[in-house]
Amino acid sequence: MLTEFKRYGLDNYRRLTGGLQILGALALLAGLFYSPLAITGSAGLSVLMFMGLTVRIYLRDSFIQSAPALFYALLNMMLFLAMFNVFD
């Protein structure tokens, strides 16, 4: 990942991004017991992954290279919406 962040020109934000991802994961885990944390975690991770997808598109990466960011952005968005019973 270090070389990827350097390729993006975002190597100064690598630790911040990793920290935010860990916080988002912990919020999702804690959200099993307190749902507002799941809402916050899924929203935050969705934003992070959509930003990652935006960087991939800006760098003109292939669909295969961009697919994980798209997948996780949509997955977290679905979790976020599920918290509000949108799918019922």
PDB file of N, CA and C in Angstrom:
ATOM      1  N   MET A   1       0.821  -1.197   0.000  1.00  0.00           N
ATOM      2  CA  MET A   1       0.000   0.000   0.000  1.00  0.00           C
ATOM      3  C   MET A   1       0.866   1.262   0.000  1.00  0.00           C
ATOM      4  N   LEU A   2       2.049   1.164   0.553  1.00  0.00           N
ATOM      5  CA  LEU A   2       2.930   2.338   0.570  1.00  0.00           C
ATOM      6  C   LEU A   2       3.208   2.829  -0.849  1.00  0.00           C
ATOM      7  N   THR A   3       3.501   1.902  -1.760  1.00  0.00           N
ATOM      8  CA  THR A   3       3.787   2.314  -3.134  1.00  0.00           C
ATOM      9  C   THR A   3       2.535   2.859  -3.820  1.00  0.00           C
ATOM     10  N   GLU A   4       1.372   2.321  -3.489  1.00  0.00           N
ATOM     11  CA  GLU A   4       0.130   2.826  -4.074  1.00  0.00           C
ATOM     12  C   GLU A   4      -0.126   4.267  -3.631  1.00  0.00           C
ATOM     13  N   PHE A   5       0.045   4.552  -2.349  1.00  0.00           N
ATOM     14  CA  PHE A   5      -0.170   5.920  -1.865  1.00  0.00           C
ATOM     15  C   PHE A   5       0.843   6.877  -2.484  1.00  0.00           C
ATOM     16  N   LYS A   6       2.064   6.419  -2.701  1.00  0.00           N
ATOM     17  CA  LYS A   6       3.052   7.265  -3.378  1.00  0.00           C
ATOM     18  C   LYS A   6       2.617   7.523  -4.819  1.00  0.00           C
ATOM     19  N   ARG A   7       2.094   6.481  -5.482  1.00  0.00           N
ATOM     20  CA  ARG A   7       1.633   6.641  -6.867  1.00  0.00           C
ATOM     21  C   ARG A   7       0.480   7.631  -6.942  1.00  0.00           C
ATOM     22  N   TYR A   8      -0.370   7.637  -5.919  1.00  0.00           N
ATOM     23  CA  TYR A   8      -1.503   8.565  -5.881  1.00  0.00           C
ATOM     24  C   TYR A   8      -1.060   9.983  -5.564  1.00  0.00           C
ATOM     25  N   GLY A   9       0.151  10.120  -5.007  1.00  0.00           N
ATOM     26  CA  GLY A   9       0.604  11.427  -4.546  1.00  0.00           C
ATOM     27  C   GLY A   9      -0.001  11.785  -3.197  1.00  0.00           C
ATOM     28  N   LEU A  10      -0.432  10.753  -2.470  1.00  0.00           N
ATOM     29  CA  LEU A  10      -1.089  10.967  -1.177  1.00  0.00           C
ATOM     30  C   LEU A  10      -0.342  10.275  -0.042  1.00  0.00           C
ATOM     31  N   ASP A  11       0.965  10.114  -0.178  1.00  0.00           N
ATOM     32  CA  ASP A  11       1.707   9.371   0.831  1.00  0.00           C
ATOM     33  C   ASP A  11       1.668  10.030   2.209  1.00  0.00           C
ATOM     34  N   ASN A  12       1.390  11.321   2.285  1.00  0.00           N
ATOM     35  CA  ASN A  12       1.276  11.986   3.591  1.00  0.00           C
ATOM     36  C   ASN A  12      -0.029  11.631   4.309  1.00  0.00           C
ATOM     37  N   TYR A  13      -0.991  11.083   3.583  1.00  0.00           N
ATOM     38  CA  TYR A  13      -2.295  10.765   4.164  1.00  0.00           C
ATOM     39  C   TYR A  13      -2.485   9.276   4.433  1.00  0.00           C
ATOM     40  N   ARG A  14      -1.437   8.492   4.257  1.00  0.00           N
ATOM     41  CA  ARG A  14      -1.543   7.039   4.412  1.00  0.00           C
ATOM     42  C   ARG A  14      -1.930   6.653   5.838  1.00  0.00           C
ATOM     43  N   ARG A  15      -1.276   7.219   6.811  1.00  0.00           N
ATOM     44  CA  ARG A  15      -1.590   6.874   8.214  1.00  0.00           C
ATOM     45  C   ARG A  15      -2.968   7.368   8.618  1.00  0.00           C
ATOM     46  N   LEU A  16      -3.339   8.546   8.169  1.00  0.00           N
ATOM     47  CA  LEU A  16      -4.664   9.075   8.464  1.00  0.00           C
ATOM     48  C   LEU A  16      -5.738   8.159   7.876  1.00  0.00           C
ATOM     49  N   THR A  17      -5.539   7.761   6.630  1.00  0.00           N
ATOM     50  CA  THR A  17      -6.502   6.877   5.971  1.00  0.00           C
ATOM     51  C   THR A  17      -6.609   5.546   6.703  1.00  0.00           C
ATOM     52  N   GLY A  18      -5.482   4.967   7.053  1.00  0.00           N
ATOM     53  CA  GLY A  18      -5.485   3.705   7.795  1.00  0.00           C
ATOM     54  C   GLY A  18      -6.166   3.839   9.145  1.00  0.00           C
ATOM     55  N   GLY A  19      -5.884   4.929   9.837  1.00  0.00           N
ATOM     56  CA  GLY A  19      -6.517   5.171  11.136  1.00  0.00           C
ATOM     57  C   GLY A  19      -8.023   5.323  11.017  1.00  0.00           C
ATOM     58  N   LEU A  20      -8.459   6.049   9.997  1.00  0.00           N
ATOM     59  CA  LEU A  20      -9.899   6.210   9.783  1.00  0.00           C
ATOM     60  C   LEU A  20     -10.572   4.896   9.419  1.00  0.00           C
ATOM     61  N   GLN A  21      -9.877   4.056   8.661  1.00  0.00           N
ATOM     62  CA  GLN A  21     -10.430   2.746   8.323  1.00  0.00           C
ATOM     63  C   GLN A  21     -10.563   1.872   9.568  1.00  0.00           C
ATOM     64  N   ILE A  22      -9.576   1.909  10.436  1.00  0.00           N
ATOM     65  CA  ILE A  22      -9.640   1.129  11.676  1.00  0.00           C
ATOM     66  C   ILE A  22     -10.766   1.653  12.560  1.00  0.00           C
ATOM     67  N   LEU A  23     -10.885   2.975  12.681  1.00  0.00           N
ATOM     68  CA  LEU A  23     -11.977   3.547  13.476  1.00  0.00           C
ATOM     69  C   LEU A  23     -13.341   3.159  12.906  1.00  0.00           C
ATOM     70  N   GLY A  24     -13.460   3.169  11.596  1.00  0.00           N
ATOM     71  CA  GLY A  24     -14.712   2.778  10.953  1.00  0.00           C
ATOM     72  C   GLY A  24     -15.050   1.325  11.230  1.00  0.00           C
ATOM     73  N   ALA A  25     -14.044   0.460  11.157  1.00  0.00           N
ATOM     74  CA  ALA A  25     -14.262  -0.961  11.437  1.00  0.00           C
ATOM     75  C   ALA A  25     -14.661  -1.178  12.891  1.00  0.00           C
ATOM     76  N   LEU A  26     -14.002  -0.477  13.799  1.00  0.00           N
ATOM     77  CA  LEU A  26     -14.355  -0.589  15.220  1.00  0.00           C
ATOM     78  C   LEU A  26     -15.755  -0.055  15.484  1.00  0.00           C
ATOM     79  N   ALA A  27     -16.130   1.007  14.787  1.00  0.00           N
ATOM     80  CA  ALA A  27     -17.480   1.550  14.936  1.00  0.00           C
ATOM     81  C   ALA A  27     -18.521   0.556  14.441  1.00  0.00           C
ATOM     82  N   LEU A  28     -18.239  -0.120  13.331  1.00  0.00           N
ATOM     83  CA  LEU A  28     -19.167  -1.144  12.847  1.00  0.00           C
ATOM     84  C   LEU A  28     -19.286  -2.286  13.845  1.00  0.00           C
ATOM     85  N   LEU A  29     -18.172  -2.681  14.414  1.00  0.00           N
ATOM     86  CA  LEU A  29     -18.191  -3.759  15.408  1.00  0.00           C
ATOM     87  C   LEU A  29     -18.968  -3.340  16.653  1.00  0.00           C
ATOM     88  N   ALA A  30     -18.695  -2.146  17.155  1.00  0.00           N
ATOM     89  CA  ALA A  30     -19.420  -1.641  18.326  1.00  0.00           C
ATOM     90  C   ALA A  30     -20.880  -1.384  17.992  1.00  0.00           C
ATOM     91  N   GLY A  31     -21.180  -1.164  16.719  1.00  0.00           N
ATOM     92  CA  GLY A  31     -22.543  -0.936  16.278  1.00  0.00           C
ATOM     93  C   GLY A  31     -23.438  -2.139  16.458  1.00  0.00           C
ATOM     94  N   LEU A  32     -22.860  -3.301  16.669  1.00  0.00           N
ATOM     95  CA  LEU A  32     -23.662  -4.478  16.998  1.00  0.00           C
ATOM     96  C   LEU A  32     -24.396  -4.289  18.316  1.00  0.00           C
ATOM     97  N   PHE A  33     -23.850  -3.438  19.174  1.00  0.00           N
ATOM     98  CA  PHE A  33     -24.430  -3.200  20.496  1.00  0.00           C
ATOM     99  C   PHE A  33     -25.067  -1.822  20.626  1.00  0.00           C
ATOM    100  N   TYR A  34     -24.617  -0.872  19.806  1.00  0.00           N
ATOM    101  CA  TYR A  34     -25.121   0.505  19.872  1.00  0.00           C
ATOM    102  C   TYR A  34     -25.216   1.018  18.436  1.00  0.00           C
ATOM    103  N   SER A  35     -26.416   0.977  17.863  1.00  0.00           N
ATOM    104  CA  SER A  35     -26.595   1.207  16.427  1.00  0.00           C
ATOM    105  C   SER A  35     -26.120   2.568  15.900  1.00  0.00           C
ATOM    106  N   PRO A  36     -26.151   3.656  16.674  1.00  0.00           N
ATOM    107  CA  PRO A  36     -25.616   4.910  16.115  1.00  0.00           C
ATOM    108  C   PRO A  36     -24.146   4.809  15.701  1.00  0.00           C
ATOM    109  N   LEU A  37     -23.387   3.956  16.362  1.00  0.00           N
ATOM    110  CA  LEU A  37     -21.994   3.777  15.952  1.00  0.00           C
ATOM    111  C   LEU A  37     -21.903   3.064  14.608  1.00  0.00           C
ATOM    112  N   ALA A  38     -22.798   2.127  14.358  1.00  0.00           N
ATOM    113  CA  ALA A  38     -22.809   1.442  13.062  1.00  0.00           C
ATOM    114  C   ALA A  38     -23.160   2.419  11.951  1.00  0.00           C
ATOM    115  N   ILE A  39     -24.088   3.315  12.226  1.00  0.00           N
ATOM    116  CA  ILE A  39     -24.469   4.326  11.240  1.00  0.00           C
ATOM    117  C   ILE A  39     -23.276   5.220  10.922  1.00  0.00           C
ATOM    118  N   THR A  40     -22.605   5.674  11.952  1.00  0.00           N
ATOM    119  CA  THR A  40     -21.441   6.546  11.775  1.00  0.00           C
ATOM    120  C   THR A  40     -20.311   5.820  11.055  1.00  0.00           C
ATOM    121  N   GLY A  41     -20.032   4.597  11.470  1.00  0.00           N
ATOM    122  CA  GLY A  41     -18.952   3.825  10.857  1.00  0.00           C
ATOM    123  C   GLY A  41     -19.208   3.523   9.398  1.00  0.00           C
ATOM    124  N   SER A  42     -20.433   3.100   9.081  1.00  0.00           N
ATOM    125  CA  SER A  42     -20.735   2.769   7.685  1.00  0.00           C
ATOM    126  C   SER A  42     -20.735   4.023   6.807  1.00  0.00           C
ATOM    127  N   ALA A  43     -21.220   5.131   7.332  1.00  0.00           N
ATOM    128  CA  ALA A  43     -21.193   6.381   6.562  1.00  0.00           C
ATOM    129  C   ALA A  43     -19.755   6.832   6.320  1.00  0.00           C
ATOM    130  N   GLY A  44     -18.945   6.782   7.361  1.00  0.00           N
ATOM    131  CA  GLY A  44     -17.551   7.190   7.223  1.00  0.00           C
ATOM    132  C   GLY A  44     -16.776   6.317   6.256  1.00  0.00           C
ATOM    133  N   LEU A  45     -16.977   5.009   6.337  1.00  0.00           N
ATOM    134  CA  LEU A  45     -16.289   4.109   5.424  1.00  0.00           C
ATOM    135  C   LEU A  45     -16.792   4.274   3.991  1.00  0.00           C
ATOM    136  N   SER A  46     -18.068   4.572   3.841  1.00  0.00           N
ATOM    137  CA  SER A  46     -18.598   4.835   2.493  1.00  0.00           C
ATOM    138  C   SER A  46     -17.912   6.047   1.879  1.00  0.00           C
ATOM    139  N   VAL A  47     -17.795   7.100   2.652  1.00  0.00           N
ATOM    140  CA  VAL A  47     -17.141   8.320   2.157  1.00  0.00           C
ATOM    141  C   VAL A  47     -15.684   8.035   1.804  1.00  0.00           C
ATOM    142  N   LEU A  48     -14.982   7.324   2.680  1.00  0.00           N
ATOM    143  CA  LEU A  48     -13.584   6.986   2.411  1.00  0.00           C
ATOM    144  C   LEU A  48     -13.442   6.190   1.112  1.00  0.00           C
ATOM    145  N   MET A  49     -14.307   5.213   0.923  1.00  0.00           N
ATOM    146  CA  MET A  49     -14.187   4.367  -0.252  1.00  0.00           C
ATOM    147  C   MET A  49     -14.607   5.096  -1.521  1.00  0.00           C
ATOM    148  N   PHE A  50     -15.606   5.973  -1.434  1.00  0.00           N
ATOM    149  CA  PHE A  50     -15.964   6.772  -2.605  1.00  0.00           C
ATOM    150  C   PHE A  50     -14.833   7.744  -2.961  1.00  0.00           C
ATOM    151  N   MET A  51     -14.151   8.265  -1.943  1.00  0.00           N
ATOM    152  CA  MET A  51     -12.994   9.120  -2.213  1.00  0.00           C
ATOM    153  C   MET A  51     -11.873   8.309  -2.866  1.00  0.00           C
ATOM    154  N   GLY A  52     -11.669   7.079  -2.380  1.00  0.00           N
ATOM    155  CA  GLY A  52     -10.679   6.200  -2.995  1.00  0.00           C
ATOM    156  C   GLY A  52     -11.028   5.894  -4.446  1.00  0.00           C
ATOM    157  N   LEU A  53     -12.309   5.670  -4.695  1.00  0.00           N
ATOM    158  CA  LEU A  53     -12.761   5.414  -6.063  1.00  0.00           C
ATOM    159  C   LEU A  53     -12.530   6.640  -6.945  1.00  0.00           C
ATOM    160  N   THR A  54     -12.778   7.816  -6.397  1.00  0.00           N
ATOM    161  CA  THR A  54     -12.555   9.060  -7.136  1.00  0.00           C
ATOM    162  C   THR A  54     -11.083   9.207  -7.519  1.00  0.00           C
ATOM    163  N   VAL A  55     -10.191   8.881  -6.604  1.00  0.00           N
ATOM    164  CA  VAL A  55      -8.756   8.945  -6.904  1.00  0.00           C
ATOM    165  C   VAL A  55      -8.416   7.956  -8.009  1.00  0.00           C
ATOM    166  N   ARG A  56      -8.966   6.756  -7.917  1.00  0.00           N
ATOM    167  CA  ARG A  56      -8.714   5.742  -8.959  1.00  0.00           C
ATOM    168  C   ARG A  56      -9.202   6.215 -10.323  1.00  0.00           C
ATOM    169  N   ILE A  57     -10.362   6.820 -10.374  1.00  0.00           N
ATOM    170  CA  ILE A  57     -10.892   7.327 -11.642  1.00  0.00           C
ATOM    171  C   ILE A  57     -10.017   8.466 -12.157  1.00  0.00           C
ATOM    172  N   TYR A  58      -9.609   9.356 -11.264  1.00  0.00           N
ATOM    173  CA  TYR A  58      -8.741  10.482 -11.647  1.00  0.00           C
ATOM    174  C   TYR A  58      -7.424   9.979 -12.245  1.00  0.00           C
ATOM    175  N   LEU A  59      -6.880   8.892 -11.687  1.00  0.00           N
ATOM    176  CA  LEU A  59      -5.629   8.321 -12.191  1.00  0.00           C
ATOM    177  C   LEU A  59      -5.839   7.421 -13.404  1.00  0.00           C
ATOM    178  N   ARG A  60      -7.094   7.275 -13.816  1.00  0.00           N
ATOM    179  CA  ARG A  60      -7.459   6.456 -14.972  1.00  0.00           C
ATOM    180  C   ARG A  60      -7.073   4.994 -14.794  1.00  0.00           C
ATOM    181  N   ASP A  61      -7.256   4.479 -13.564  1.00  0.00           N
ATOM    182  CA  ASP A  61      -7.027   3.061 -13.324  1.00  0.00           C
ATOM    183  C   ASP A  61      -8.112   2.246 -14.014  1.00  0.00           C
ATOM    184  N   SER A  62      -7.813   0.995 -14.266  1.00  0.00           N
ATOM    185  CA  SER A  62      -8.778   0.122 -14.927  1.00  0.00           C
ATOM    186  C   SER A  62      -9.946  -0.188 -13.990  1.00  0.00           C
ATOM    187  N   PHE A  63     -11.006  -0.738 -14.578  1.00  0.00           N
ATOM    188  CA  PHE A  63     -12.163  -1.127 -13.765  1.00  0.00           C
ATOM    189  C   PHE A  63     -11.767  -2.183 -12.742  1.00  0.00           C
ATOM    190  N   ILE A  64     -10.916  -3.117 -13.135  1.00  0.00           N
ATOM    191  CA  ILE A  64     -10.472  -4.185 -12.218  1.00  0.00           C
ATOM    192  C   ILE A  64      -9.724  -3.583 -11.027  1.00  0.00           C
ATOM    193  N   GLN A  65      -8.910  -2.590 -11.264  1.00  0.00           N
ATOM    194  CA  GLN A  65      -8.182  -1.945 -10.169  1.00  0.00           C
ATOM    195  C   GLN A  65      -9.124  -1.130  -9.284  1.00  0.00           C
ATOM    196  N   SER A  66     -10.169  -0.582  -9.855  1.00  0.00           N
ATOM    197  CA  SER A  66     -11.104   0.275  -9.119  1.00  0.00           C
ATOM    198  C   SER A  66     -12.236  -0.510  -8.462  1.00  0.00           C
ATOM    199  N   ALA A  67     -12.468  -1.737  -8.891  1.00  0.00           N
ATOM    200  CA  ALA A  67     -13.607  -2.521  -8.419  1.00  0.00           C
ATOM    201  C   ALA A  67     -13.658  -2.700  -6.899  1.00  0.00           C
ATOM    202  N   PRO A  68     -12.533  -2.987  -6.207  1.00  0.00           N
ATOM    203  CA  PRO A  68     -12.641  -3.134  -4.749  1.00  0.00           C
ATOM    204  C   PRO A  68     -13.153  -1.873  -4.047  1.00  0.00           C
ATOM    205  N   ALA A  69     -12.686  -0.713  -4.476  1.00  0.00           N
ATOM    206  CA  ALA A  69     -13.157   0.532  -3.865  1.00  0.00           C
ATOM    207  C   ALA A  69     -14.649   0.714  -4.109  1.00  0.00           C
ATOM    208  N   LEU A  70     -15.090   0.425  -5.325  1.00  0.00           N
ATOM    209  CA  LEU A  70     -16.514   0.528  -5.646  1.00  0.00           C
ATOM    210  C   LEU A  70     -17.329  -0.457  -4.821  1.00  0.00           C
ATOM    211  N   PHE A  71     -16.865  -1.695  -4.741  1.00  0.00           N
ATOM    212  CA  PHE A  71     -17.572  -2.724  -3.977  1.00  0.00           C
ATOM    213  C   PHE A  71     -17.735  -2.326  -2.511  1.00  0.00           C
ATOM    214  N   TYR A  72     -16.645  -1.917  -1.871  1.00  0.00           N
ATOM    215  CA  TYR A  72     -16.718  -1.568  -0.452  1.00  0.00           C
ATOM    216  C   TYR A  72     -17.494  -0.276  -0.206  1.00  0.00           C
ATOM    217  N   ALA A  73     -17.440   0.647  -1.140  1.00  0.00           N
ATOM    218  CA  ALA A  73     -18.246   1.860  -1.006  1.00  0.00           C
ATOM    219  C   ALA A  73     -19.727   1.511  -1.048  1.00  0.00           C
ATOM    220  N   LEU A  74     -20.117   0.671  -2.002  1.00  0.00           N
ATOM    221  CA  LEU A  74     -21.527   0.276  -2.111  1.00  0.00           C
ATOM    222  C   LEU A  74     -21.967  -0.595  -0.934  1.00  0.00           C
ATOM    223  N   LEU A  75     -21.100  -1.487  -0.487  1.00  0.00           N
ATOM    224  CA  LEU A  75     -21.423  -2.341   0.659  1.00  0.00           C
ATOM    225  C   LEU A  75     -21.681  -1.500   1.907  1.00  0.00           C
ATOM    226  N   ASN A  76     -20.810  -0.546   2.168  1.00  0.00           N
ATOM    227  CA  ASN A  76     -20.996   0.305   3.341  1.00  0.00           C
ATOM    228  C   ASN A  76     -22.201   1.218   3.197  1.00  0.00           C
ATOM    229  N   MET A  77     -22.481   1.665   1.970  1.00  0.00           N
ATOM    230  CA  MET A  77     -23.673   2.476   1.742  1.00  0.00           C
ATOM    231  C   MET A  77     -24.929   1.647   2.007  1.00  0.00           C
ATOM    232  N   MET A  78     -24.909   0.378   1.610  1.00  0.00           N
ATOM    233  CA  MET A  78     -26.052  -0.499   1.878  1.00  0.00           C
ATOM    234  C   MET A  78     -26.225  -0.723   3.381  1.00  0.00           C
ATOM    235  N   LEU A  79     -25.129  -0.883   4.105  1.00  0.00           N
ATOM    236  CA  LEU A  79     -25.210  -1.010   5.567  1.00  0.00           C
ATOM    237  C   LEU A  79     -25.797   0.254   6.187  1.00  0.00           C
ATOM    238  N   PHE A  80     -25.343   1.399   5.703  1.00  0.00           N
ATOM    239  CA  PHE A  80     -25.846   2.674   6.196  1.00  0.00           C
ATOM    240  C   PHE A  80     -27.350   2.778   5.973  1.00  0.00           C
ATOM    241  N   LEU A  81     -27.798   2.464   4.757  1.00  0.00           N
ATOM    242  CA  LEU A  81     -29.223   2.548   4.441  1.00  0.00           C
ATOM    243  C   LEU A  81     -30.031   1.498   5.202  1.00  0.00           C
ATOM    244  N   ALA A  82     -29.443   0.338   5.433  1.00  0.00           N
ATOM    245  CA  ALA A  82     -30.142  -0.718   6.174  1.00  0.00           C
ATOM    246  C   ALA A  82     -30.435  -0.286   7.607  1.00  0.00           C
ATOM    247  N   MET A  83     -29.601   0.567   8.152  1.00  0.00           N
ATOM    248  CA  MET A  83     -29.831   1.050   9.523  1.00  0.00           C
ATOM    249  C   MET A  83     -31.111   1.876   9.612  1.00  0.00           C
ATOM    250  N   PHE A  84     -31.525   2.432   8.491  1.00  0.00           N
ATOM    251  CA  PHE A  84     -32.742   3.242   8.462  1.00  0.00           C
ATOM    252  C   PHE A  84     -33.927   2.476   7.866  1.00  0.00           C
ATOM    253  N   ASN A  85     -33.771   1.160   7.730  1.00  0.00           N
ATOM    254  CA  ASN A  85     -34.824   0.280   7.204  1.00  0.00           C
ATOM    255  C   ASN A  85     -35.311   0.724   5.838  1.00  0.00           C
ATOM    256  N   VAL A  86     -34.408   1.183   5.003  1.00  0.00           N
ATOM    257  CA  VAL A  86     -34.763   1.642   3.665  1.00  0.00           C
ATOM    258  C   VAL A  86     -35.211   0.482   2.792  1.00  0.00           C
ATOM    259  N   PHE A  87     -34.700  -0.718   3.069  1.00  0.00           N
ATOM    260  CA  PHE A  87     -34.960  -1.874   2.216  1.00  0.00           C
ATOM    261  C   PHE A  87     -36.218  -2.631   2.594  1.00  0.00           C
ATOM    262  N   ASP A  88     -36.970  -2.144   3.557  1.00  0.00           N
ATOM    263  CA  ASP A  88     -38.207  -2.842   3.976  1.00  0.00           C
ATOM    264  C   ASP A  88     -39.375  -2.470   3.102  1.00  0.00           C
TER     265      ASP A  88
END
